[in-house]
């Protein structure tokens, strides 16, 4: 299990998931931060972009913030491999 911090920008015109060694993981998404829609969408977005099943991604903090913490239920080597595909 991996704990991941992600910076999000909801309501964006483009959608992109990026990883930078210094800044970490960041995502721009079209979903608006209304009634938890952006929170649900970020899980689907990461699932699709990183090929991780949605049931393995859990939002644990940052429900009303752009800075969120996710628990991703995969091993560290698999996570590092997936990050390498984003760079």
PDB file of N, CA and C in Angstrom:
ATOM      1  N   UNK A   1       0.848  -1.177   0.000  1.00  0.00           N
ATOM      2  CA  UNK A   1       0.000   0.000   0.000  1.00  0.00           C
ATOM      3  C   UNK A   1       0.894   1.242   0.000  1.00  0.00           C
ATOM      4  N   UNK A   2       0.536   2.199  -0.847  1.00  0.00           N
ATOM      5  CA  UNK A   2       1.317   3.417  -1.013  1.00  0.00           C
ATOM      6  C   UNK A   2       0.457   4.622  -0.622  1.00  0.00           C
ATOM      7  N   UNK A   3       1.031   5.542   0.143  1.00  0.00           N
ATOM      8  CA  UNK A   3       0.350   6.802   0.461  1.00  0.00           C
ATOM      9  C   UNK A   3       0.886   7.849  -0.503  1.00  0.00           C
ATOM     10  N   UNK A   4      -0.025   8.500  -1.249  1.00  0.00           N
ATOM     11  CA  UNK A   4       0.363   9.429  -2.308  1.00  0.00           C
ATOM     12  C   UNK A   4      -0.287  10.784  -2.084  1.00  0.00           C
ATOM     13  N   UNK A   5       0.505  11.820  -2.150  1.00  0.00           N
ATOM     14  CA  UNK A   5      -0.026  13.185  -2.107  1.00  0.00           C
ATOM     15  C   UNK A   5      -0.160  13.668  -3.535  1.00  0.00           C
ATOM     16  N   UNK A   6      -1.286  14.321  -3.827  1.00  0.00           N
ATOM     17  CA  UNK A   6      -1.528  14.816  -5.176  1.00  0.00           C
ATOM     18  C   UNK A   6      -2.122  16.216  -5.102  1.00  0.00           C
ATOM     19  N   UNK A   7      -1.616  17.084  -5.952  1.00  0.00           N
ATOM     20  CA  UNK A   7      -2.140  18.436  -6.080  1.00  0.00           C
ATOM     21  C   UNK A   7      -3.103  18.423  -7.267  1.00  0.00           C
ATOM     22  N   UNK A   8      -4.324  18.912  -7.057  1.00  0.00           N
ATOM     23  CA  UNK A   8      -5.323  18.874  -8.121  1.00  0.00           C
ATOM     24  C   UNK A   8      -5.768  20.274  -8.513  1.00  0.00           C
ATOM     25  N   UNK A   9      -6.184  20.409  -9.758  1.00  0.00           N
ATOM     26  CA  UNK A   9      -6.767  21.653 -10.236  1.00  0.00           C
ATOM     27  C   UNK A   9      -8.071  21.292 -10.949  1.00  0.00           C
ATOM     28  N   UNK A  10      -9.194  21.326 -10.221  1.00  0.00           N
ATOM     29  CA  UNK A  10     -10.480  21.022 -10.843  1.00  0.00           C
ATOM     30  C   UNK A  10     -10.959  22.173 -11.720  1.00  0.00           C
ATOM     31  N   UNK A  11     -11.869  21.871 -12.635  1.00  0.00           N
ATOM     32  CA  UNK A  11     -12.431  22.902 -13.502  1.00  0.00           C
ATOM     33  C   UNK A  11     -11.474  23.348 -14.591  1.00  0.00           C
ATOM     34  N   UNK A  12     -10.490  22.527 -14.912  1.00  0.00           N
ATOM     35  CA  UNK A  12      -9.505  22.873 -15.932  1.00  0.00           C
ATOM     36  C   UNK A  12     -10.064  22.600 -17.330  1.00  0.00           C
ATOM     37  N   UNK A  13      -9.560  23.308 -18.322  1.00  0.00           N
ATOM     38  CA  UNK A  13      -9.988  23.084 -19.703  1.00  0.00           C
ATOM     39  C   UNK A  13      -9.339  21.853 -20.308  1.00  0.00           C
ATOM     40  N   UNK A  14      -8.166  21.491 -19.799  1.00  0.00           N
ATOM     41  CA  UNK A  14      -7.484  20.291 -20.280  1.00  0.00           C
ATOM     42  C   UNK A  14      -7.344  19.309 -19.121  1.00  0.00           C
ATOM     43  N   UNK A  15      -7.105  18.054 -19.459  1.00  0.00           N
ATOM     44  CA  UNK A  15      -6.884  17.052 -18.425  1.00  0.00           C
ATOM     45  C   UNK A  15      -5.498  16.459 -18.602  1.00  0.00           C
ATOM     46  N   UNK A  16      -4.756  16.461 -17.509  1.00  0.00           N
ATOM     47  CA  UNK A  16      -3.394  15.935 -17.557  1.00  0.00           C
ATOM     48  C   UNK A  16      -2.999  15.432 -16.166  1.00  0.00           C
ATOM     49  N   UNK A  17      -2.247  14.349 -16.166  1.00  0.00           N
ATOM     50  CA  UNK A  17      -1.676  13.801 -14.938  1.00  0.00           C
ATOM     51  C   UNK A  17      -0.171  13.837 -15.115  1.00  0.00           C
ATOM     52  N   UNK A  18       0.519  14.505 -14.180  1.00  0.00           N
ATOM     53  CA  UNK A  18       1.961  14.684 -14.297  1.00  0.00           C
ATOM     54  C   UNK A  18       2.665  14.258 -13.014  1.00  0.00           C
ATOM     55  N   UNK A  19       3.914  13.845 -13.198  1.00  0.00           N
ATOM     56  CA  UNK A  19       4.750  13.538 -12.045  1.00  0.00           C
ATOM     57  C   UNK A  19       6.092  14.241 -12.210  1.00  0.00           C
ATOM     58  N   UNK A  20       6.494  14.944 -11.175  1.00  0.00           N
ATOM     59  CA  UNK A  20       7.783  15.617 -11.132  1.00  0.00           C
ATOM     60  C   UNK A  20       8.439  15.201  -9.817  1.00  0.00           C
ATOM     61  N   UNK A  21       9.707  14.815  -9.860  1.00  0.00           N
ATOM     62  CA  UNK A  21      10.389  14.332  -8.650  1.00  0.00           C
ATOM     63  C   UNK A  21      10.374  15.354  -7.531  1.00  0.00           C
ATOM     64  N   UNK A  22      10.426  16.629  -7.855  1.00  0.00           N
ATOM     65  CA  UNK A  22      10.440  17.674  -6.822  1.00  0.00           C
ATOM     66  C   UNK A  22       9.038  18.066  -6.378  1.00  0.00           C
ATOM     67  N   UNK A  23       8.114  18.195  -7.319  1.00  0.00           N
ATOM     68  CA  UNK A  23       6.759  18.663  -7.003  1.00  0.00           C
ATOM     69  C   UNK A  23       5.785  17.534  -6.703  1.00  0.00           C
ATOM     70  N   UNK A  24       6.106  16.331  -7.118  1.00  0.00           N
ATOM     71  CA  UNK A  24       5.237  15.198  -6.880  1.00  0.00           C
ATOM     72  C   UNK A  24       4.179  15.043  -7.962  1.00  0.00           C
ATOM     73  N   UNK A  25       3.078  14.408  -7.611  1.00  0.00           N
ATOM     74  CA  UNK A  25       2.001  14.115  -8.545  1.00  0.00           C
ATOM     75  C   UNK A  25       1.026  15.286  -8.594  1.00  0.00           C
ATOM     76  N   UNK A  26       0.601  15.635  -9.806  1.00  0.00           N
ATOM     77  CA  UNK A  26      -0.384  16.708  -9.958  1.00  0.00           C
ATOM     78  C   UNK A  26      -1.351  16.335 -11.077  1.00  0.00           C
ATOM     79  N   UNK A  27      -2.565  16.846 -10.965  1.00  0.00           N
ATOM     80  CA  UNK A  27      -3.587  16.540 -11.960  1.00  0.00           C
ATOM     81  C   UNK A  27      -4.430  17.770 -12.245  1.00  0.00           C
ATOM     82  N   UNK A  28      -4.692  17.999 -13.519  1.00  0.00           N
ATOM     83  CA  UNK A  28      -5.671  18.989 -13.950  1.00  0.00           C
ATOM     84  C   UNK A  28      -6.841  18.183 -14.499  1.00  0.00           C
ATOM     85  N   UNK A  29      -8.037  18.484 -13.985  1.00  0.00           N
ATOM     86  CA  UNK A  29      -9.221  17.739 -14.412  1.00  0.00           C
ATOM     87  C   UNK A  29     -10.357  18.694 -14.750  1.00  0.00           C
ATOM     88  N   UNK A  30     -11.267  18.250 -15.608  1.00  0.00           N
ATOM     89  CA  UNK A  30     -12.402  19.066 -16.018  1.00  0.00           C
ATOM     90  C   UNK A  30     -13.513  19.103 -14.970  1.00  0.00           C
ATOM     91  N   UNK A  31     -13.623  18.068 -14.163  1.00  0.00           N
ATOM     92  CA  UNK A  31     -14.697  17.989 -13.166  1.00  0.00           C
ATOM     93  C   UNK A  31     -14.638  19.175 -12.214  1.00  0.00           C
ATOM     94  N   UNK A  32     -15.805  19.661 -11.845  1.00  0.00           N
ATOM     95  CA  UNK A  32     -15.908  20.795 -10.923  1.00  0.00           C
ATOM     96  C   UNK A  32     -15.971  20.308  -9.478  1.00  0.00           C
ATOM     97  N   UNK A  33     -15.465  21.109  -8.533  1.00  0.00           N
ATOM     98  CA  UNK A  33     -15.477  20.713  -7.125  1.00  0.00           C
ATOM     99  C   UNK A  33     -16.840  20.976  -6.477  1.00  0.00           C
ATOM    100  N   UNK A  34     -17.855  20.313  -6.984  1.00  0.00           N
ATOM    101  CA  UNK A  34     -19.223  20.499  -6.492  1.00  0.00           C
ATOM    102  C   UNK A  34     -19.744  19.157  -5.987  1.00  0.00           C
ATOM    103  N   UNK A  35     -20.172  19.120  -4.735  1.00  0.00           N
ATOM    104  CA  UNK A  35     -20.770  17.932  -4.130  1.00  0.00           C
ATOM    105  C   UNK A  35     -19.896  16.684  -4.266  1.00  0.00           C
ATOM    106  N   UNK A  36     -18.601  16.850  -4.169  1.00  0.00           N
ATOM    107  CA  UNK A  36     -17.681  15.713  -4.214  1.00  0.00           C
ATOM    108  C   UNK A  36     -17.429  15.129  -5.587  1.00  0.00           C
ATOM    109  N   UNK A  37     -17.925  15.775  -6.638  1.00  0.00           N
ATOM    110  CA  UNK A  37     -17.745  15.234  -7.995  1.00  0.00           C
ATOM    111  C   UNK A  37     -16.285  15.167  -8.394  1.00  0.00           C
ATOM    112  N   UNK A  38     -15.514  16.183  -8.059  1.00  0.00           N
ATOM    113  CA  UNK A  38     -14.091  16.179  -8.407  1.00  0.00           C
ATOM    114  C   UNK A  38     -13.346  15.084  -7.642  1.00  0.00           C
ATOM    115  N   UNK A  39     -13.735  14.824  -6.404  1.00  0.00           N
ATOM    116  CA  UNK A  39     -13.094  13.759  -5.621  1.00  0.00           C
ATOM    117  C   UNK A  39     -13.337  12.393  -6.262  1.00  0.00           C
ATOM    118  N   UNK A  40     -14.564  12.138  -6.671  1.00  0.00           N
ATOM    119  CA  UNK A  40     -14.875  10.866  -7.330  1.00  0.00           C
ATOM    120  C   UNK A  40     -14.156  10.780  -8.669  1.00  0.00           C
ATOM    121  N   UNK A  41     -14.132  11.903  -9.376  1.00  0.00           N
ATOM    122  CA  UNK A  41     -13.523  11.911 -10.697  1.00  0.00           C
ATOM    123  C   UNK A  41     -12.012  11.683 -10.634  1.00  0.00           C
ATOM    124  N   UNK A  42     -11.349  12.247  -9.632  1.00  0.00           N
ATOM    125  CA  UNK A  42      -9.894  12.093  -9.551  1.00  0.00           C
ATOM    126  C   UNK A  42      -9.512  10.623  -9.401  1.00  0.00           C
ATOM    127  N   UNK A  43     -10.316   9.856  -8.687  1.00  0.00           N
ATOM    128  CA  UNK A  43     -10.049   8.419  -8.545  1.00  0.00           C
ATOM    129  C   UNK A  43     -10.195   7.720  -9.894  1.00  0.00           C
ATOM    130  N   UNK A  44     -11.263   8.029 -10.613  1.00  0.00           N
ATOM    131  CA  UNK A  44     -11.460   7.437 -11.937  1.00  0.00           C
ATOM    132  C   UNK A  44     -10.359   7.853 -12.903  1.00  0.00           C
ATOM    133  N   UNK A  45      -9.983   9.113 -12.824  1.00  0.00           N
ATOM    134  CA  UNK A  45      -8.958   9.664 -13.706  1.00  0.00           C
ATOM    135  C   UNK A  45      -7.613   8.963 -13.494  1.00  0.00           C
ATOM    136  N   UNK A  46      -7.201   8.832 -12.247  1.00  0.00           N
ATOM    137  CA  UNK A  46      -5.935   8.163 -11.941  1.00  0.00           C
ATOM    138  C   UNK A  46      -6.014   6.683 -12.327  1.00  0.00           C
ATOM    139  N   UNK A  47      -7.138   6.067 -12.059  1.00  0.00           N
ATOM    140  CA  UNK A  47      -7.340   4.670 -12.422  1.00  0.00           C
ATOM    141  C   UNK A  47      -7.128   4.450 -13.914  1.00  0.00           C
ATOM    142  N   UNK A  48      -7.737   5.301 -14.704  1.00  0.00           N
ATOM    143  CA  UNK A  48      -7.644   5.180 -16.157  1.00  0.00           C
ATOM    144  C   UNK A  48      -6.235   5.483 -16.658  1.00  0.00           C
ATOM    145  N   UNK A  49      -5.663   6.579 -16.204  1.00  0.00           N
ATOM    146  CA  UNK A  49      -4.351   7.012 -16.705  1.00  0.00           C
ATOM    147  C   UNK A  49      -3.205   6.110 -16.267  1.00  0.00           C
ATOM    148  N   UNK A  50      -3.334   5.499 -15.085  1.00  0.00           N
ATOM    149  CA  UNK A  50      -2.227   4.685 -14.565  1.00  0.00           C
ATOM    150  C   UNK A  50      -2.530   3.193 -14.605  1.00  0.00           C
ATOM    151  N   UNK A  51      -3.684   2.841 -15.141  1.00  0.00           N
ATOM    152  CA  UNK A  51      -4.083   1.444 -15.269  1.00  0.00           C
ATOM    153  C   UNK A  51      -4.071   0.730 -13.909  1.00  0.00           C
ATOM    154  N   UNK A  52      -4.764   1.346 -12.954  1.00  0.00           N
ATOM    155  CA  UNK A  52      -4.938   0.784 -11.616  1.00  0.00           C
ATOM    156  C   UNK A  52      -6.442   0.686 -11.388  1.00  0.00           C
ATOM    157  N   UNK A  53      -6.913  -0.450 -10.924  1.00  0.00           N
ATOM    158  CA  UNK A  53      -8.346  -0.614 -10.704  1.00  0.00           C
ATOM    159  C   UNK A  53      -8.843   0.394  -9.661  1.00  0.00           C
ATOM    160  N   UNK A  54     -10.022   0.971  -9.920  1.00  0.00           N
ATOM    161  CA  UNK A  54     -10.574   2.002  -9.014  1.00  0.00           C
ATOM    162  C   UNK A  54     -10.701   1.516  -7.577  1.00  0.00           C
ATOM    163  N   UNK A  55     -10.993   0.248  -7.404  1.00  0.00           N
ATOM    164  CA  UNK A  55     -11.159  -0.271  -6.042  1.00  0.00           C
ATOM    165  C   UNK A  55      -9.858  -0.253  -5.246  1.00  0.00           C
ATOM    166  N   UNK A  56      -8.728  -0.046  -5.914  1.00  0.00           N
ATOM    167  CA  UNK A  56      -7.428   0.000  -5.240  1.00  0.00           C
ATOM    168  C   UNK A  56      -7.000   1.424  -4.893  1.00  0.00           C
ATOM    169  N   UNK A  57      -7.853   2.408  -5.197  1.00  0.00           N
ATOM    170  CA  UNK A  57      -7.525   3.816  -4.936  1.00  0.00           C
ATOM    171  C   UNK A  57      -8.532   4.383  -3.946  1.00  0.00           C
ATOM    172  N   UNK A  58      -8.033   4.963  -2.864  1.00  0.00           N
ATOM    173  CA  UNK A  58      -8.893   5.467  -1.797  1.00  0.00           C
ATOM    174  C   UNK A  58      -8.462   6.879  -1.394  1.00  0.00           C
ATOM    175  N   UNK A  59      -9.393   7.816  -1.413  1.00  0.00           N
ATOM    176  CA  UNK A  59      -9.128   9.176  -0.956  1.00  0.00           C
ATOM    177  C   UNK A  59      -9.240   9.187   0.567  1.00  0.00           C
ATOM    178  N   UNK A  60      -8.156   9.604   1.255  1.00  0.00           N
ATOM    179  CA  UNK A  60      -8.170   9.572   2.720  1.00  0.00           C
ATOM    180  C   UNK A  60      -8.118  10.946   3.369  1.00  0.00           C
ATOM    181  N   UNK A  61      -7.665  11.967   2.626  1.00  0.00           N
ATOM    182  CA  UNK A  61      -7.709  13.323   3.175  1.00  0.00           C
ATOM    183  C   UNK A  61      -7.688  14.337   2.046  1.00  0.00           C
ATOM    184  N   UNK A  62      -8.106  15.562   2.368  1.00  0.00           N
ATOM    185  CA  UNK A  62      -8.141  16.627   1.379  1.00  0.00           C
ATOM    186  C   UNK A  62      -9.455  16.675   0.626  1.00  0.00           C
ATOM    187  N   UNK A  63     -10.521  16.264   1.272  1.00  0.00           N
ATOM    188  CA  UNK A  63     -11.830  16.193   0.619  1.00  0.00           C
ATOM    189  C   UNK A  63     -12.302  17.551   0.103  1.00  0.00           C
ATOM    190  N   UNK A  64     -11.909  18.629   0.771  1.00  0.00           N
ATOM    191  CA  UNK A  64     -12.313  19.971   0.352  1.00  0.00           C
ATOM    192  C   UNK A  64     -11.108  20.838   0.008  1.00  0.00           C
ATOM    193  N   UNK A  65     -10.021  20.188  -0.331  1.00  0.00           N
ATOM    194  CA  UNK A  65      -8.771  20.890  -0.631  1.00  0.00           C
ATOM    195  C   UNK A  65      -8.252  20.451  -1.996  1.00  0.00           C
ATOM    196  N   UNK A  66      -7.408  21.281  -2.575  1.00  0.00           N
ATOM    197  CA  UNK A  66      -6.750  20.888  -3.832  1.00  0.00           C
ATOM    198  C   UNK A  66      -5.631  19.889  -3.572  1.00  0.00           C
ATOM    199  N   UNK A  67      -5.127  19.890  -2.353  1.00  0.00           N
ATOM    200  CA  UNK A  67      -4.067  18.948  -1.975  1.00  0.00           C
ATOM    201  C   UNK A  67      -4.698  17.757  -1.277  1.00  0.00           C
ATOM    202  N   UNK A  68      -4.561  16.601  -1.888  1.00  0.00           N
ATOM    203  CA  UNK A  68      -5.235  15.403  -1.407  1.00  0.00           C
ATOM    204  C   UNK A  68      -4.223  14.317  -1.087  1.00  0.00           C
ATOM    205  N   UNK A  69      -4.648  13.369  -0.278  1.00  0.00           N
ATOM    206  CA  UNK A  69      -3.845  12.187   0.019  1.00  0.00           C
ATOM    207  C   UNK A  69      -4.654  10.965  -0.367  1.00  0.00           C
ATOM    208  N   UNK A  70      -4.014  10.082  -1.133  1.00  0.00           N
ATOM    209  CA  UNK A  70      -4.636   8.852  -1.583  1.00  0.00           C
ATOM    210  C   UNK A  70      -3.893   7.663  -1.008  1.00  0.00           C
ATOM    211  N   UNK A  71      -4.621   6.595  -0.727  1.00  0.00           N
ATOM    212  CA  UNK A  71      -3.998   5.307  -0.435  1.00  0.00           C
ATOM    213  C   UNK A  71      -4.204   4.469  -1.680  1.00  0.00           C
ATOM    214  N   UNK A  72      -3.115   3.956  -2.219  1.00  0.00           N
ATOM    215  CA  UNK A  72      -3.200   3.125  -3.409  1.00  0.00           C
ATOM    216  C   UNK A  72      -2.702   1.740  -3.027  1.00  0.00           C
ATOM    217  N   UNK A  73      -3.577   0.776  -3.181  1.00  0.00           N
ATOM    218  CA  UNK A  73      -3.316  -0.580  -2.712  1.00  0.00           C
ATOM    219  C   UNK A  73      -2.593  -1.410  -3.780  1.00  0.00           C
ATOM    220  N   UNK A  74      -1.326  -1.021  -4.037  1.00  0.00           N
ATOM    221  CA  UNK A  74      -0.418  -1.790  -4.891  1.00  0.00           C
ATOM    222  C   UNK A  74       0.943  -1.745  -4.224  1.00  0.00           C
ATOM    223  N   UNK A  75       1.857  -2.591  -4.661  1.00  0.00           N
ATOM    224  CA  UNK A  75       3.171  -2.564  -4.025  1.00  0.00           C
ATOM    225  C   UNK A  75       4.034  -1.448  -4.608  1.00  0.00           C
ATOM    226  N   UNK A  76       5.071  -1.115  -3.870  1.00  0.00           N
ATOM    227  CA  UNK A  76       5.899   0.039  -4.215  1.00  0.00           C
ATOM    228  C   UNK A  76       6.569  -0.092  -5.581  1.00  0.00           C
ATOM    229  N   UNK A  77       7.049  -1.276  -5.925  1.00  0.00           N
ATOM    230  CA  UNK A  77       7.725  -1.451  -7.214  1.00  0.00           C
ATOM    231  C   UNK A  77       6.756  -1.223  -8.385  1.00  0.00           C
ATOM    232  N   UNK A  78       5.524  -1.677  -8.238  1.00  0.00           N
ATOM    233  CA  UNK A  78       4.518  -1.445  -9.288  1.00  0.00           C
ATOM    234  C   UNK A  78       4.215   0.053  -9.402  1.00  0.00           C
ATOM    235  N   UNK A  79       4.121   0.741  -8.267  1.00  0.00           N
ATOM    236  CA  UNK A  79       3.856   2.179  -8.263  1.00  0.00           C
ATOM    237  C   UNK A  79       4.981   2.947  -8.952  1.00  0.00           C
ATOM    238  N   UNK A  80       6.215   2.614  -8.620  1.00  0.00           N
ATOM    239  CA  UNK A  80       7.360   3.296  -9.224  1.00  0.00           C
ATOM    240  C   UNK A  80       7.401   3.074 -10.736  1.00  0.00           C
ATOM    241  N   UNK A  81       7.029   1.891 -11.164  1.00  0.00           N
ATOM    242  CA  UNK A  81       6.968   1.594 -12.593  1.00  0.00           C
ATOM    243  C   UNK A  81       5.927   2.466 -13.275  1.00  0.00           C
ATOM    244  N   UNK A  82       4.775   2.626 -12.660  1.00  0.00           N
ATOM    245  CA  UNK A  82       3.702   3.444 -13.222  1.00  0.00           C
ATOM    246  C   UNK A  82       4.087   4.929 -13.243  1.00  0.00           C
ATOM    247  N   UNK A  83       4.799   5.400 -12.227  1.00  0.00           N
ATOM    248  CA  UNK A  83       5.276   6.785 -12.218  1.00  0.00           C
ATOM    249  C   UNK A  83       6.263   7.023 -13.346  1.00  0.00           C
ATOM    250  N   UNK A  84       7.110   6.034 -13.603  1.00  0.00           N
ATOM    251  CA  UNK A  84       8.072   6.152 -14.678  1.00  0.00           C
ATOM    252  C   UNK A  84       7.405   6.329 -16.034  1.00  0.00           C
ATOM    253  N   UNK A  85       6.225   5.764 -16.210  1.00  0.00           N
ATOM    254  CA  UNK A  85       5.476   5.897 -17.462  1.00  0.00           C
ATOM    255  C   UNK A  85       4.924   7.305 -17.621  1.00  0.00           C
ATOM    256  N   UNK A  86       4.719   8.025 -16.516  1.00  0.00           N
ATOM    257  CA  UNK A  86       4.196   9.395 -16.580  1.00  0.00           C
ATOM    258  C   UNK A  86       5.260  10.422 -16.917  1.00  0.00           C
ATOM    259  N   UNK A  87       6.488  10.171 -16.480  1.00  0.00           N
ATOM    260  CA  UNK A  87       7.565  11.151 -16.642  1.00  0.00           C
ATOM    261  C   UNK A  87       7.911  11.420 -18.083  1.00  0.00           C
TER     262      UNK A  87
END
